[in-house]
Amino acid sequence: MNSRVLLSSAYLPSINWMYHFLQNENVVIEAHEHFQKQSYRNRCEILSANGKLALSIPLIKQSDKEIISQKRISYNENWQMNHWRAITSAYKNSPYFEYFEDDFKPFYTQQFDLLFDYNNALLKLILKLWRIKKTVALTENFSLEFNGADLRNTIHPKMNNEVIIKPYHQVFSDKHGFIANLSCIDLLFNQGMTGLDLLSGKI
């Protein structure tokens, strides 16, 4: 296990994000960077019947440079209903969706003001369901220097699609083949607790 990693905030984090989370003893999440568009900070990717599908949380723009922990969610459109319908459609036939459905559903009815708080609450749920006990720290200020692995800008939809865990069965794999590095909920709903063993490299 490595020692220390710095990660960005992420909406239903990708499998690569979770892999590095588990591989490091000390995890720090960036709370003071400027928000970056088209990143996993407000976006996740799932596997639908039509292939990989990106789900993005709409945000309120207040200025050109906004701190990630102050970025507010927009509810002008019913994205929560749309996201939940997409997730349900994609995973209702997966082996473990029915076990975890009631845990995730409240996040698509209850409104959070801040994206950062919403992401952190979802992360806490995922850690609880996978029974991962780890303390997560937040940065106290922004710095380009970090004593450890700085992955804030490395784990990105356009940069990070390598297979870092063994391929596993996905609901639509017979149609699309194995799609790597989706949201960790793809691994959770398809593999249940075994997904944690895949992330940890135990199998």
C-alpha atoms as a PDB file:
ATOM      1  CA  MET A   1       0.000   0.000   0.000  1.00  0.00           C
ATOM      2  CA  ASN A   2       1.274   3.460  -0.863  1.00  0.00           C
ATOM      3  CA  SER A   3       1.227   6.242   1.697  1.00  0.00           C
ATOM      4  CA  ARG A   4      -0.645   9.329   0.555  1.00  0.00           C
ATOM      5  CA  VAL A   5      -2.840  10.408  -2.358  1.00  0.00           C
ATOM      6  CA  LEU A   6      -4.613  13.645  -3.309  1.00  0.00           C
ATOM      7  CA  LEU A   7      -7.867  13.191  -5.231  1.00  0.00           C
ATOM      8  CA  SER A   8     -10.456  15.566  -6.624  1.00  0.00           C
ATOM      9  CA  SER A   9     -14.055  15.485  -5.485  1.00  0.00           C
ATOM     10  CA  ALA A  10     -16.058  13.097  -7.679  1.00  0.00           C
ATOM     11  CA  TYR A  11     -19.705  12.285  -8.377  1.00  0.00           C
ATOM     12  CA  LEU A  12     -20.169   8.523  -7.874  1.00  0.00           C
ATOM     13  CA  PRO A  13     -16.397   8.069  -8.329  1.00  0.00           C
ATOM     14  CA  SER A  14     -14.914   6.066 -11.180  1.00  0.00           C
ATOM     15  CA  ILE A  15     -13.378   2.662 -10.582  1.00  0.00           C
ATOM     16  CA  ASN A  16      -9.894   4.126 -11.077  1.00  0.00           C
ATOM     17  CA  TRP A  17     -10.640   6.798  -8.463  1.00  0.00           C
ATOM     18  CA  MET A  18     -11.762   4.111  -5.996  1.00  0.00           C
ATOM     19  CA  TYR A  19      -8.750   1.945  -6.807  1.00  0.00           C
ATOM     20  CA  HIS A  20      -6.330   4.706  -5.852  1.00  0.00           C
ATOM     21  CA  PHE A  21      -8.468   5.534  -2.818  1.00  0.00           C
ATOM     22  CA  LEU A  22      -7.984   1.971  -1.566  1.00  0.00           C
ATOM     23  CA  GLN A  23      -4.324   1.653  -2.531  1.00  0.00           C
ATOM     24  CA  ASN A  24      -3.250   4.567  -0.332  1.00  0.00           C
ATOM     25  CA  GLU A  25      -3.219   4.662   3.423  1.00  0.00           C
ATOM     26  CA  ASN A  26      -3.927   8.396   3.670  1.00  0.00           C
ATOM     27  CA  VAL A  27      -6.486   9.992   1.359  1.00  0.00           C
ATOM     28  CA  VAL A  28      -6.883  13.734   0.916  1.00  0.00           C
ATOM     29  CA  ILE A  29      -9.651  15.300  -1.180  1.00  0.00           C
ATOM     30  CA  GLU A  30      -9.091  18.692  -2.782  1.00  0.00           C
ATOM     31  CA  ALA A  31     -11.539  21.245  -1.374  1.00  0.00           C
ATOM     32  CA  HIS A  32     -10.014  24.521  -2.581  1.00  0.00           C
ATOM     33  CA  GLU A  33      -9.248  24.133  -6.280  1.00  0.00           C
ATOM     34  CA  HIS A  34     -11.151  26.001  -8.985  1.00  0.00           C
ATOM     35  CA  PHE A  35     -13.972  23.907 -10.396  1.00  0.00           C
ATOM     36  CA  GLN A  36     -13.091  22.130 -13.649  1.00  0.00           C
ATOM     37  CA  LYS A  37     -15.731  21.553 -16.307  1.00  0.00           C
ATOM     38  CA  GLN A  38     -16.213  18.233 -18.106  1.00  0.00           C
ATOM     39  CA  SER A  39     -14.508  16.296 -15.320  1.00  0.00           C
ATOM     40  CA  TYR A  40     -15.618  13.647 -12.856  1.00  0.00           C
ATOM     41  CA  ARG A  41     -16.271  16.370 -10.283  1.00  0.00           C
ATOM     42  CA  ASN A  42     -19.897  16.606 -11.423  1.00  0.00           C
ATOM     43  CA  ARG A  43     -20.028  13.690 -13.856  1.00  0.00           C
ATOM     44  CA  CYS A  44     -20.085   9.912 -13.801  1.00  0.00           C
ATOM     45  CA  GLU A  45     -20.335   7.245 -16.479  1.00  0.00           C
ATOM     46  CA  ILE A  46     -22.537   4.139 -16.432  1.00  0.00           C
ATOM     47  CA  LEU A  47     -23.268   1.371 -18.932  1.00  0.00           C
ATOM     48  CA  SER A  48     -26.722   1.578 -20.487  1.00  0.00           C
ATOM     49  CA  ALA A  49     -28.413  -0.584 -23.115  1.00  0.00           C
ATOM     50  CA  ASN A  50     -27.062   1.840 -25.726  1.00  0.00           C
ATOM     51  CA  GLY A  51     -23.500   1.883 -24.393  1.00  0.00           C
ATOM     52  CA  LYS A  52     -21.558   4.182 -22.103  1.00  0.00           C
ATOM     53  CA  LEU A  53     -23.699   7.005 -20.768  1.00  0.00           C
ATOM     54  CA  ALA A  54     -22.457  10.139 -19.014  1.00  0.00           C
ATOM     55  CA  LEU A  55     -24.595  11.652 -16.256  1.00  0.00           C
ATOM     56  CA  SER A  56     -23.787  15.264 -15.375  1.00  0.00           C
ATOM     57  CA  ILE A  57     -25.052  17.344 -12.467  1.00  0.00           C
ATOM     58  CA  PRO A  58     -26.041  20.857 -13.651  1.00  0.00           C
ATOM     59  CA  LEU A  59     -24.455  23.669 -11.662  1.00  0.00           C
ATOM     60  CA  ILE A  60     -25.136  27.326 -10.997  1.00  0.00           C
ATOM     61  CA  LYS A  61     -22.523  29.596 -12.510  1.00  0.00           C
ATOM     62  CA  GLN A  62     -21.681  32.528 -10.259  1.00  0.00           C
ATOM     63  CA  SER A  63     -18.271  33.518 -11.628  1.00  0.00           C
ATOM     64  CA  ASP A  64     -15.574  32.262 -14.012  1.00  0.00           C
ATOM     65  CA  LYS A  65     -13.407  30.894 -11.217  1.00  0.00           C
ATOM     66  CA  GLU A  66     -15.303  29.191  -8.435  1.00  0.00           C
ATOM     67  CA  ILE A  67     -13.933  27.077  -5.595  1.00  0.00           C
ATOM     68  CA  ILE A  68     -15.092  23.447  -5.838  1.00  0.00           C
ATOM     69  CA  SER A  69     -16.410  23.393  -2.259  1.00  0.00           C
ATOM     70  CA  GLN A  70     -18.581  26.457  -2.992  1.00  0.00           C
ATOM     71  CA  LYS A  71     -20.058  25.204  -6.274  1.00  0.00           C
ATOM     72  CA  ARG A  72     -23.849  25.101  -6.061  1.00  0.00           C
ATOM     73  CA  ILE A  73     -26.158  22.576  -7.709  1.00  0.00           C
ATOM     74  CA  SER A  74     -28.891  23.792 -10.058  1.00  0.00           C
ATOM     75  CA  TYR A  75     -32.385  22.343  -9.805  1.00  0.00           C
ATOM     76  CA  ASN A  76     -33.890  24.273 -12.716  1.00  0.00           C
ATOM     77  CA  GLU A  77     -34.260  20.934 -14.465  1.00  0.00           C
ATOM     78  CA  ASN A  78     -35.213  17.649 -12.832  1.00  0.00           C
ATOM     79  CA  TRP A  79     -31.812  16.013 -13.268  1.00  0.00           C
ATOM     80  CA  GLN A  80     -32.293  13.876 -10.177  1.00  0.00           C
ATOM     81  CA  MET A  81     -35.262  12.094 -11.713  1.00  0.00           C
ATOM     82  CA  ASN A  82     -33.396  11.722 -15.016  1.00  0.00           C
ATOM     83  CA  HIS A  83     -30.276  10.323 -13.350  1.00  0.00           C
ATOM     84  CA  TRP A  84     -32.251   7.882 -11.221  1.00  0.00           C
ATOM     85  CA  ARG A  85     -34.253   6.674 -14.212  1.00  0.00           C
ATOM     86  CA  ALA A  86     -31.031   6.135 -16.155  1.00  0.00           C
ATOM     87  CA  ILE A  87     -29.381   4.286 -13.253  1.00  0.00           C
ATOM     88  CA  THR A  88     -32.476   2.130 -12.688  1.00  0.00           C
ATOM     89  CA  SER A  89     -32.796   1.317 -16.385  1.00  0.00           C
ATOM     90  CA  ALA A  90     -29.102   0.404 -16.598  1.00  0.00           C
ATOM     91  CA  TYR A  91     -28.900  -1.735 -13.457  1.00  0.00           C
ATOM     92  CA  LYS A  92     -32.356  -3.052 -12.577  1.00  0.00           C
ATOM     93  CA  ASN A  93     -31.344  -6.462 -13.952  1.00  0.00           C
ATOM     94  CA  SER A  94     -27.933  -6.503 -12.255  1.00  0.00           C
ATOM     95  CA  PRO A  95     -27.445  -9.058  -9.453  1.00  0.00           C
ATOM     96  CA  TYR A  96     -27.171  -6.572  -6.587  1.00  0.00           C
ATOM     97  CA  PHE A  97     -29.206  -3.515  -7.572  1.00  0.00           C
ATOM     98  CA  GLU A  98     -32.188  -4.522  -5.466  1.00  0.00           C
ATOM     99  CA  TYR A  99     -29.941  -4.866  -2.396  1.00  0.00           C
ATOM    100  CA  PHE A 100     -28.635  -1.303  -2.664  1.00  0.00           C
ATOM    101  CA  GLU A 101     -31.461   0.523  -4.445  1.00  0.00           C
ATOM    102  CA  ASP A 102     -33.028   1.907  -1.267  1.00  0.00           C
ATOM    103  CA  ASP A 103     -29.669   3.275  -0.105  1.00  0.00           C
ATOM    104  CA  PHE A 104     -29.119   5.359  -3.235  1.00  0.00           C
ATOM    105  CA  LYS A 105     -32.685   6.436  -4.002  1.00  0.00           C
ATOM    106  CA  PRO A 106     -32.862   9.231  -1.352  1.00  0.00           C
ATOM    107  CA  PHE A 107     -29.976  11.016  -3.097  1.00  0.00           C
ATOM    108  CA  TYR A 108     -32.263  11.502  -6.081  1.00  0.00           C
ATOM    109  CA  THR A 109     -35.108  13.067  -4.131  1.00  0.00           C
ATOM    110  CA  GLN A 110     -33.340  15.040  -1.381  1.00  0.00           C
ATOM    111  CA  GLN A 111     -31.759  18.279  -2.561  1.00  0.00           C
ATOM    112  CA  PHE A 112     -28.241  19.290  -1.587  1.00  0.00           C
ATOM    113  CA  ASP A 113     -27.133  22.892  -2.008  1.00  0.00           C
ATOM    114  CA  LEU A 114     -23.434  22.213  -2.664  1.00  0.00           C
ATOM    115  CA  LEU A 115     -21.917  19.722  -5.102  1.00  0.00           C
ATOM    116  CA  PHE A 116     -19.013  19.041  -2.738  1.00  0.00           C
ATOM    117  CA  ASP A 117     -21.354  18.021   0.084  1.00  0.00           C
ATOM    118  CA  TYR A 118     -23.416  15.855  -2.258  1.00  0.00           C
ATOM    119  CA  ASN A 119     -20.334  14.041  -3.579  1.00  0.00           C
ATOM    120  CA  ASN A 120     -18.991  13.491  -0.071  1.00  0.00           C
ATOM    121  CA  ALA A 121     -22.303  12.114   1.182  1.00  0.00           C
ATOM    122  CA  LEU A 122     -22.466   9.653  -1.708  1.00  0.00           C
ATOM    123  CA  LEU A 123     -18.866   8.631  -1.072  1.00  0.00           C
ATOM    124  CA  LYS A 124     -19.654   7.948   2.592  1.00  0.00           C
ATOM    125  CA  LEU A 125     -22.538   5.719   1.490  1.00  0.00           C
ATOM    126  CA  ILE A 126     -20.323   3.762  -0.929  1.00  0.00           C
ATOM    127  CA  LEU A 127     -17.680   3.281   1.765  1.00  0.00           C
ATOM    128  CA  LYS A 128     -20.367   2.104   4.180  1.00  0.00           C
ATOM    129  CA  LEU A 129     -21.847  -0.393   1.709  1.00  0.00           C
ATOM    130  CA  TRP A 130     -18.423  -1.830   0.894  1.00  0.00           C
ATOM    131  CA  ARG A 131     -17.496  -1.685   4.607  1.00  0.00           C
ATOM    132  CA  ILE A 132     -14.416   0.394   3.919  1.00  0.00           C
ATOM    133  CA  LYS A 133     -13.121   2.055   7.073  1.00  0.00           C
ATOM    134  CA  LYS A 134     -10.795   4.891   6.216  1.00  0.00           C
ATOM    135  CA  THR A 135     -10.430   8.469   7.389  1.00  0.00           C
ATOM    136  CA  VAL A 136     -10.568  11.026   4.590  1.00  0.00           C
ATOM    137  CA  ALA A 137      -8.996  14.454   5.015  1.00  0.00           C
ATOM    138  CA  LEU A 138      -9.773  17.655   3.100  1.00  0.00           C
ATOM    139  CA  THR A 139      -7.207  20.196   1.957  1.00  0.00           C
ATOM    140  CA  GLU A 140      -7.062  23.333   4.082  1.00  0.00           C
ATOM    141  CA  ASN A 141      -5.958  25.540   1.181  1.00  0.00           C
ATOM    142  CA  PHE A 142      -4.943  25.217  -2.464  1.00  0.00           C
ATOM    143  CA  SER A 143      -1.374  24.309  -3.326  1.00  0.00           C
ATOM    144  CA  LEU A 144       0.416  22.917  -6.353  1.00  0.00           C
ATOM    145  CA  GLU A 145       2.749  21.066  -3.975  1.00  0.00           C
ATOM    146  CA  PHE A 146       1.724  17.767  -2.403  1.00  0.00           C
ATOM    147  CA  ASN A 147       3.782  15.222  -0.507  1.00  0.00           C
ATOM    148  CA  GLY A 148       2.414  12.106  -2.172  1.00  0.00           C
ATOM    149  CA  ALA A 149       0.620  11.086  -5.341  1.00  0.00           C
ATOM    150  CA  ASP A 150      -1.243  14.082  -6.798  1.00  0.00           C
ATOM    151  CA  LEU A 151      -4.049  12.676  -8.967  1.00  0.00           C
ATOM    152  CA  ARG A 152      -6.315  15.718  -9.033  1.00  0.00           C
ATOM    153  CA  ASN A 153      -5.976  16.117 -12.790  1.00  0.00           C
ATOM    154  CA  THR A 154      -4.928  12.591 -13.717  1.00  0.00           C
ATOM    155  CA  ILE A 155      -8.226  10.796 -13.234  1.00  0.00           C
ATOM    156  CA  HIS A 156     -10.290  12.393 -15.993  1.00  0.00           C
ATOM    157  CA  PRO A 157     -12.924  11.164 -18.505  1.00  0.00           C
ATOM    158  CA  LYS A 158     -10.618  11.915 -21.430  1.00  0.00           C
ATOM    159  CA  MET A 159      -7.411  10.557 -19.916  1.00  0.00           C
ATOM    160  CA  ASN A 160      -8.042   7.541 -17.764  1.00  0.00           C
ATOM    161  CA  ASN A 161      -9.703   4.487 -19.306  1.00  0.00           C
ATOM    162  CA  GLU A 162      -7.097   1.789 -18.750  1.00  0.00           C
ATOM    163  CA  VAL A 163      -8.184  -1.514 -17.260  1.00  0.00           C
ATOM    164  CA  ILE A 164      -6.703  -1.590 -13.761  1.00  0.00           C
ATOM    165  CA  ILE A 165      -8.868  -4.405 -12.384  1.00  0.00           C
ATOM    166  CA  LYS A 166      -9.877  -7.708 -13.917  1.00  0.00           C
ATOM    167  CA  PRO A 167     -12.839  -7.508 -16.319  1.00  0.00           C
ATOM    168  CA  TYR A 168     -16.090  -8.530 -14.658  1.00  0.00           C
ATOM    169  CA  HIS A 169     -19.561  -9.347 -15.958  1.00  0.00           C
ATOM    170  CA  GLN A 170     -21.668  -6.284 -16.775  1.00  0.00           C
ATOM    171  CA  VAL A 171     -25.384  -6.249 -17.571  1.00  0.00           C
ATOM    172  CA  PHE A 172     -24.863  -5.323 -21.215  1.00  0.00           C
ATOM    173  CA  SER A 173     -21.454  -6.931 -21.763  1.00  0.00           C
ATOM    174  CA  ASP A 174     -22.944  -9.380 -24.276  1.00  0.00           C
ATOM    175  CA  LYS A 175     -23.893  -6.372 -26.398  1.00  0.00           C
ATOM    176  CA  HIS A 176     -20.996  -3.969 -25.811  1.00  0.00           C
ATOM    177  CA  GLY A 177     -18.192  -6.110 -24.417  1.00  0.00           C
ATOM    178  CA  PHE A 178     -16.437  -5.102 -21.213  1.00  0.00           C
ATOM    179  CA  ILE A 179     -16.319  -1.323 -20.628  1.00  0.00           C
ATOM    180  CA  ALA A 180     -13.555  -0.306 -18.240  1.00  0.00           C
ATOM    181  CA  ASN A 181     -13.490   2.420 -15.614  1.00  0.00           C
ATOM    182  CA  LEU A 182     -17.145   3.259 -15.275  1.00  0.00           C
ATOM    183  CA  SER A 183     -18.610   4.634 -12.061  1.00  0.00           C
ATOM    184  CA  CYS A 184     -17.956   2.413  -9.075  1.00  0.00           C
ATOM    185  CA  ILE A 185     -21.715   1.771  -8.842  1.00  0.00           C
ATOM    186  CA  ASP A 186     -21.326  -0.369 -11.982  1.00  0.00           C
ATOM    187  CA  LEU A 187     -18.957  -2.587 -10.010  1.00  0.00           C
ATOM    188  CA  LEU A 188     -21.122  -2.477  -6.880  1.00  0.00           C
ATOM    189  CA  PHE A 189     -24.387  -3.385  -8.627  1.00  0.00           C
ATOM    190  CA  ASN A 190     -22.814  -6.094 -10.783  1.00  0.00           C
ATOM    191  CA  GLN A 191     -20.434  -7.677  -8.265  1.00  0.00           C
ATOM    192  CA  GLY A 192     -21.621  -6.678  -4.799  1.00  0.00           C
ATOM    193  CA  MET A 193     -19.008  -7.213  -2.077  1.00  0.00           C
ATOM    194  CA  THR A 194     -16.802  -9.108  -4.545  1.00  0.00           C
ATOM    195  CA  GLY A 195     -16.258  -5.768  -6.245  1.00  0.00           C
ATOM    196  CA  LEU A 196     -14.180  -4.667  -3.277  1.00  0.00           C
ATOM    197  CA  ASP A 197     -11.908  -7.693  -3.733  1.00  0.00           C
ATOM    198  CA  LEU A 198     -11.442  -6.735  -7.391  1.00  0.00           C
ATOM    199  CA  LEU A 199     -10.562  -3.171  -6.393  1.00  0.00           C
ATOM    200  CA  SER A 200      -8.153  -4.394  -3.758  1.00  0.00           C
ATOM    201  CA  GLY A 201      -6.429  -6.791  -6.162  1.00  0.00           C
ATOM    202  CA  LYS A 202      -7.345  -9.814  -4.049  1.00  0.00           C
ATOM    203  CA  ILE A 203      -8.884 -11.598  -7.056  1.00  0.00           C
END
